[in-house]
Amino acid sequence: MDIKELDVNIKKNLHNNHPWEYARAKVVMHLLKRHLFEKGKTDSVIDIGCGDIFFLDQFCKKHTVTTAVAVDTAFDDALISQMRLKNQDIVFVDDVSKVDLQGKKADVVFLMDVLEHIEKDAEFLKSIASSDFVGPDTIFMITVPAYNGLFSSHDKFVGHYRRYTQKMLQKTIVAAGLQKLDNGYFFTTLIVARAIQKMLEKIKGAPLTEPKGAGGWNGGAFVSKVYELFLLCDFYFFRLFRWIGIRMPGLSAYTICKL
């Protein structure tokens, strides 16, 4: 959840993370599994633009991590105190330049739905790739919203500059001096829902409902779990198409890369 969404939804007494976030966390960890296995360890991880640390907390619960660093420019003392209630072992900083791994290199750097918020995304990514904590074995896990044609009121609400095709995303990582290890899309069926939303917004000339972002979810435990399982089934089903050489589109794009 973005900090902006967290602030808005706390005021509205909406605190639940969206089932999309739970599903995305599991998808990302699945996609990284082979690369982490090949590395043989995950000592240090950095989550840049981490928002409410939901993903980083989930990752740390599934993996043995010595140092986990959460980075978000919106962090202040009050927010950090709030975040520490979730996980006291995470180190919080409000700028990438303040990340200090004591001379070590990060095993994984996460940029989860971050680049779309940055006007000069390639320059931003290049500055991170040239940081002291990045080495030749550091893996970057990057996710972004897919397809500019689906840009909607939600994107405006959370401050997106753009959505991405894989061609755009690969151009960005190459400009940053990174090379692709894997890439693709996920959450295929959500494209239909977003396309319908976009069409109706165009007809109406305004958002269909007040934008809430992922943090605006207020569904019950059963409904949330059903939604999460639906998204996971979507991922695993359409993932099978890769076995026969077919790459399916999705509402989210990802790339795994390194120097």
Protein backbone atom coordinates (compact mmCIF):
# COMPACT_ATOMS: atom_id res chain seq x y z
CA MET A 1 0.00 0.00 0.00
CA ASP A 2 1.35 3.45 -0.92
CA ILE A 3 1.86 5.86 1.99
CA LYS A 4 -0.63 8.21 0.33
CA GLU A 5 -3.22 5.44 0.39
CA LEU A 6 -2.33 4.59 3.98
CA ASP A 7 -2.86 8.19 5.14
CA VAL A 8 -6.18 8.56 3.33
CA ASN A 9 -7.59 5.25 4.50
CA ILE A 10 -6.52 5.61 8.14
CA LYS A 11 -8.65 8.77 8.21
CA LYS A 12 -11.55 6.76 6.76
CA ASN A 13 -10.97 3.86 9.18
CA LEU A 14 -10.03 1.53 6.33
CA HIS A 15 -6.98 -0.46 7.43
CA ASN A 16 -7.12 -3.74 5.51
CA ASN A 17 -4.56 -4.64 2.89
CA HIS A 18 -6.20 -5.59 -0.39
CA PRO A 19 -6.26 -9.28 -1.37
CA TRP A 20 -4.44 -8.13 -4.53
CA GLU A 21 -1.48 -7.27 -2.29
CA TYR A 22 -1.51 -10.71 -0.66
CA ALA A 23 -1.69 -12.39 -4.06
CA ARG A 24 1.03 -10.16 -5.54
CA ALA A 25 3.35 -10.98 -2.63
CA LYS A 26 2.96 -14.71 -3.29
CA VAL A 27 3.37 -14.24 -7.05
CA VAL A 28 6.58 -12.25 -6.61
CA MET A 29 8.06 -14.78 -4.19
CA HIS A 30 7.19 -17.57 -6.64
CA LEU A 31 8.86 -15.73 -9.52
CA LEU A 32 11.98 -15.13 -7.43
CA LYS A 33 12.23 -18.68 -6.08
CA ARG A 34 14.60 -20.02 -8.74
CA HIS A 35 16.89 -17.00 -8.57
CA LEU A 36 17.08 -17.06 -4.78
CA PHE A 37 17.79 -20.80 -4.86
CA GLU A 38 20.67 -20.22 -7.27
CA LYS A 39 22.10 -17.54 -4.97
CA GLY A 40 21.87 -19.91 -2.03
CA LYS A 41 21.14 -17.15 0.48
CA THR A 42 19.08 -14.03 1.14
CA ASP A 43 20.97 -12.15 3.83
CA SER A 44 20.18 -8.54 2.92
CA VAL A 45 17.11 -7.17 1.18
CA ILE A 46 16.08 -3.60 0.42
CA ASP A 47 12.52 -2.56 -0.42
CA ILE A 48 12.56 0.87 -2.10
CA GLY A 49 9.27 2.74 -2.12
CA CYS A 50 7.98 0.19 0.36
CA GLY A 51 4.84 2.05 1.49
CA ASP A 52 3.32 0.39 4.55
CA ILE A 53 6.02 -2.41 4.51
CA PHE A 54 3.34 -5.04 3.82
CA PHE A 55 5.39 -6.87 1.20
CA LEU A 56 8.71 -6.65 3.02
CA ASP A 57 7.11 -7.98 6.20
CA GLN A 58 5.57 -10.88 4.24
CA PHE A 59 8.93 -11.65 2.59
CA CYS A 60 10.78 -11.66 5.92
CA LYS A 61 8.25 -14.10 7.36
CA LYS A 62 8.97 -16.55 4.52
CA HIS A 63 12.76 -16.16 4.27
CA THR A 64 15.71 -15.97 6.63
CA VAL A 65 16.85 -12.36 6.31
CA THR A 66 19.69 -10.85 8.35
CA THR A 67 19.13 -7.24 7.28
CA ALA A 68 15.89 -5.86 5.85
CA VAL A 69 15.79 -2.19 4.91
CA ALA A 70 12.57 -0.31 4.15
CA VAL A 71 12.98 2.89 2.13
CA ASP A 72 10.25 5.47 1.55
CA THR A 73 10.55 9.24 1.19
CA ALA A 74 7.30 9.67 3.12
CA PHE A 75 8.72 8.18 6.32
CA ASP A 76 8.81 10.44 9.35
CA ASP A 77 9.19 9.61 13.05
CA ALA A 78 5.46 9.08 13.53
CA LEU A 79 5.12 6.75 10.54
CA ILE A 80 8.23 4.80 11.46
CA SER A 81 6.87 4.26 14.97
CA GLN A 82 3.66 2.96 13.42
CA MET A 83 5.52 0.67 11.00
CA ARG A 84 7.68 -0.78 13.80
CA LEU A 85 4.55 -2.17 15.41
CA LYS A 86 4.41 -4.55 12.44
CA ASN A 87 8.07 -5.58 12.40
CA GLN A 88 10.72 -4.30 14.79
CA ASP A 89 13.56 -6.03 12.91
CA ILE A 90 13.24 -3.84 9.80
CA VAL A 91 15.53 -0.83 9.39
CA PHE A 92 13.67 2.29 8.21
CA VAL A 93 15.21 5.12 6.17
CA ASP A 94 13.61 7.97 4.23
CA ASP A 95 16.18 8.11 1.41
CA VAL A 96 18.13 5.55 -0.60
CA SER A 97 21.37 7.43 0.13
CA LYS A 98 20.93 6.53 3.83
CA VAL A 99 20.99 2.77 3.22
CA ASP A 100 24.06 1.34 4.97
CA LEU A 101 24.84 -2.37 4.73
CA GLN A 102 28.27 -1.98 6.36
CA GLY A 103 30.12 -2.65 3.12
CA LYS A 104 27.98 -5.64 2.14
CA LYS A 105 25.96 -5.97 -1.05
CA ALA A 106 22.22 -6.49 -1.11
CA ASP A 107 20.99 -9.88 -2.24
CA VAL A 108 17.69 -8.47 -3.50
CA VAL A 109 16.45 -4.95 -4.22
CA PHE A 110 12.68 -4.65 -4.55
CA LEU A 111 11.01 -1.88 -6.55
CA MET A 112 7.39 -2.91 -6.26
CA ASP A 113 5.13 -0.61 -8.25
CA VAL A 114 7.52 2.31 -7.79
CA LEU A 115 8.91 3.35 -11.19
CA GLU A 116 5.53 4.57 -12.43
CA HIS A 117 5.65 7.23 -9.69
CA ILE A 118 9.00 8.58 -10.92
CA GLU A 119 9.04 11.14 -13.75
CA LYS A 120 12.59 10.24 -14.87
CA ASP A 121 12.40 6.55 -14.16
CA ALA A 122 15.56 5.43 -15.99
CA GLU A 123 17.71 8.04 -14.21
CA PHE A 124 16.23 7.02 -10.86
CA LEU A 125 16.87 3.33 -11.51
CA LYS A 126 20.40 4.02 -12.74
CA SER A 127 21.19 5.93 -9.54
CA ILE A 128 20.06 2.93 -7.48
CA ALA A 129 22.02 0.48 -9.65
CA SER A 130 25.18 2.52 -9.02
CA SER A 131 24.70 2.53 -5.22
CA ASP A 132 27.35 1.06 -2.90
CA PHE A 133 24.95 -1.68 -1.79
CA VAL A 134 24.52 -3.05 -5.33
CA GLY A 135 26.96 -5.64 -6.64
CA PRO A 136 27.15 -8.02 -9.63
CA ASP A 137 25.09 -10.65 -7.79
CA THR A 138 22.38 -8.27 -6.57
CA ILE A 139 18.97 -9.17 -8.00
CA PHE A 140 16.45 -6.47 -8.81
CA MET A 141 12.77 -7.42 -8.65
CA ILE A 142 10.67 -4.77 -10.38
CA THR A 143 6.90 -4.68 -10.85
CA VAL A 144 4.87 -1.97 -12.58
CA PRO A 145 1.28 -1.48 -13.79
CA ALA A 146 0.85 -2.54 -17.41
CA TYR A 147 -0.45 -0.81 -20.55
CA ASN A 148 -0.88 2.95 -20.85
CA GLY A 149 -4.19 2.37 -22.62
CA LEU A 150 -5.59 1.28 -19.24
CA PHE A 151 -4.52 4.49 -17.45
CA SER A 152 -7.51 5.44 -15.29
CA SER A 153 -8.67 7.53 -12.33
CA HIS A 154 -6.93 5.06 -10.02
CA ASP A 155 -3.58 5.85 -11.64
CA LYS A 156 -4.18 9.57 -11.23
CA PHE A 157 -5.20 9.12 -7.60
CA VAL A 158 -1.99 7.31 -6.62
CA GLY A 159 0.25 9.62 -8.67
CA HIS A 160 1.30 7.49 -11.63
CA TYR A 161 3.12 9.09 -14.56
CA ARG A 162 2.61 6.08 -16.81
CA ARG A 163 1.85 2.40 -17.17
CA TYR A 164 4.29 0.07 -18.98
CA THR A 165 4.57 -2.45 -21.75
CA GLN A 166 7.45 -4.91 -21.52
CA LYS A 167 9.19 -3.01 -24.32
CA MET A 168 9.04 0.21 -22.25
CA LEU A 169 10.19 -1.58 -19.11
CA GLN A 170 13.13 -3.28 -20.82
CA LYS A 171 14.19 0.03 -22.37
CA THR A 172 14.22 1.52 -18.87
CA ILE A 173 16.35 -1.21 -17.30
CA VAL A 174 18.83 -1.18 -20.20
CA ALA A 175 19.21 2.61 -19.85
CA ALA A 176 19.92 2.02 -16.14
CA GLY A 177 22.71 -0.44 -16.97
CA LEU A 178 20.81 -3.57 -15.94
CA GLN A 179 20.27 -6.81 -17.83
CA LYS A 180 17.15 -8.96 -17.86
CA LEU A 181 17.02 -12.36 -16.22
CA ASP A 182 13.27 -12.87 -16.59
CA ASN A 183 10.19 -10.83 -17.44
CA GLY A 184 6.48 -11.14 -18.10
CA TYR A 185 3.02 -10.17 -16.94
CA PHE A 186 0.61 -11.45 -14.31
CA PHE A 187 -3.08 -11.14 -13.34
CA THR A 188 -4.44 -11.62 -16.85
CA THR A 189 -8.17 -11.60 -16.10
CA LEU A 190 -7.93 -8.23 -14.34
CA ILE A 191 -7.27 -6.61 -17.71
CA VAL A 192 -10.92 -7.15 -18.63
CA ALA A 193 -12.17 -5.48 -15.45
CA ARG A 194 -9.83 -2.51 -15.86
CA ALA A 195 -10.74 -2.14 -19.55
CA ILE A 196 -14.45 -2.04 -18.67
CA GLN A 197 -13.74 0.54 -15.94
CA LYS A 198 -11.75 2.65 -18.39
CA MET A 199 -14.53 2.48 -21.00
CA LEU A 200 -17.25 3.43 -18.50
CA GLU A 201 -15.17 6.30 -17.13
CA LYS A 202 -14.73 7.59 -20.66
CA ILE A 203 -18.49 7.42 -21.30
CA LYS A 204 -19.32 9.05 -17.96
CA GLY A 205 -16.53 11.59 -18.20
CA ALA A 206 -15.62 11.06 -14.54
CA PRO A 207 -14.51 8.29 -12.15
CA LEU A 208 -17.19 5.68 -11.47
CA THR A 209 -16.52 5.81 -7.71
CA GLU A 210 -14.27 7.75 -5.37
CA PRO A 211 -10.74 6.35 -5.83
CA LYS A 212 -9.50 4.48 -2.76
CA GLY A 213 -6.43 2.59 -3.93
CA ALA A 214 -5.40 -0.84 -2.67
CA GLY A 215 -5.67 0.36 0.92
CA GLY A 216 -9.37 1.08 0.60
CA TRP A 217 -10.36 -2.57 0.82
CA ASN A 218 -12.95 -3.24 3.50
CA GLY A 219 -14.12 -6.73 2.60
CA GLY A 220 -14.53 -9.50 5.13
CA ALA A 221 -12.07 -12.34 5.69
CA PHE A 222 -13.99 -14.84 3.53
CA VAL A 223 -14.45 -12.51 0.57
CA SER A 224 -10.81 -11.41 0.82
CA LYS A 225 -9.57 -14.99 0.75
CA VAL A 226 -11.77 -15.88 -2.22
CA TYR A 227 -10.49 -12.86 -4.13
CA GLU A 228 -6.88 -13.74 -3.28
CA LEU A 229 -7.35 -17.37 -4.37
CA PHE A 230 -8.96 -16.22 -7.61
CA LEU A 231 -5.93 -14.06 -8.42
CA LEU A 232 -3.52 -16.87 -7.55
CA CYS A 233 -5.45 -19.31 -9.75
CA ASP A 234 -5.31 -16.71 -12.51
CA PHE A 235 -1.52 -16.49 -12.15
CA TYR A 236 -0.81 -20.22 -12.05
CA PHE A 237 -3.24 -21.03 -14.87
CA PHE A 238 -1.88 -18.47 -17.31
CA ARG A 239 1.67 -19.27 -16.21
CA LEU A 240 1.16 -22.68 -17.81
CA PHE A 241 0.95 -21.00 -21.24
CA ARG A 242 4.68 -20.18 -21.01
CA TRP A 243 5.43 -23.88 -21.27
CA ILE A 244 4.15 -23.83 -24.85
CA GLY A 245 5.79 -20.53 -25.69
CA ILE A 246 2.80 -18.24 -25.25
CA ARG A 247 3.29 -15.12 -23.12
CA MET A 248 -0.03 -13.87 -21.83
CA PRO A 249 -0.70 -10.20 -21.03
CA GLY A 250 -1.58 -9.06 -17.51
CA LEU A 251 -2.52 -6.00 -15.52
CA SER A 252 0.94 -6.03 -13.91
CA ALA A 253 4.32 -6.32 -15.60
CA TYR A 254 7.52 -7.53 -13.98
CA THR A 255 11.19 -7.92 -14.70
CA ILE A 256 13.96 -9.61 -12.74
CA CYS A 257 17.37 -8.19 -13.56
CA LYS A 258 20.94 -7.54 -12.38
CA LEU A 259 24.06 -5.62 -13.39
